[in-house]
């Protein structure tokens, strides 16, 4: 619990041999941070509560299982609502410069609410909680992987992707909980199913089925961290055949069970408090 008058509490922190800083932080409800910037670049994974972030005259609403990247010295404001808890990774400039020599890095802020980057951040948080002799090495390795993946995510948004392929992706984002066929999606955007399959894999580096499963898992992450809906109902609401299918897919894509994710997000603890 936050002490009276305190707005920010670092629950746990650890450093890698390369001076990367990993911390779990809790913020007071309705706490507001005026315009400020950090000397170091950082990733922030929202675990609990909601954050309203303002930057470059835009407002972004960040909810559980959403990942943000902020370059060093990026001006921004923050408002925290609910019992906000985050997992934060501070990236020293010296470390980033060494990495920049071998891989392109993001130069602009990034907000990611689905895909591999979020799952990598979840794996980082899980490793952060493990704390054994290999944890520092694993944390640095996963952070490097996260940097590469987010750089790829950024590059994909600037590629010359056909308009019909963006339309297909947008259609999946709207209808991912429904039972979809390849023919239905292809007909919606006016291309042959085989052409859609090749184009989707070429530009998004996965099949349509894989993409839909990822969207469903990201949706269940939101439900698991913000509601007390039973697992079987979450499975059905997200389009899975049953709870068993949901649990297997969730574990395969996130590396943890739905129950473990609930524990990380704090929902399991909150339900226990309600029952006690």
Foldseek 3Di string as FASTA:
>chain_A
DDDVPDFKDWPDWDAAPVGKIKTKMKGDAFDKFPKDFAQFKKKKAKLAFWKWKDFPNDIDIGHHLKMKIAHGPGIMMITTHDGTMIIMITDDPVNVVVLCVPAPFDPHMDIGLFDQLSLLVLVLVVLVVVDDPCSSVVNVVSVSVSRRVVVLVVVLVPDPQDPLLVVLVVVCLVCLLDDDDLVVSCVVSVHDSVVSQVSCCVRVVDGPVVVSLRSLLSQLLRCLLPHPDDQQVSCNSSNHPGSVRNQVSNCVSRVDGSVVSSVSSCVVVVVVVVVD
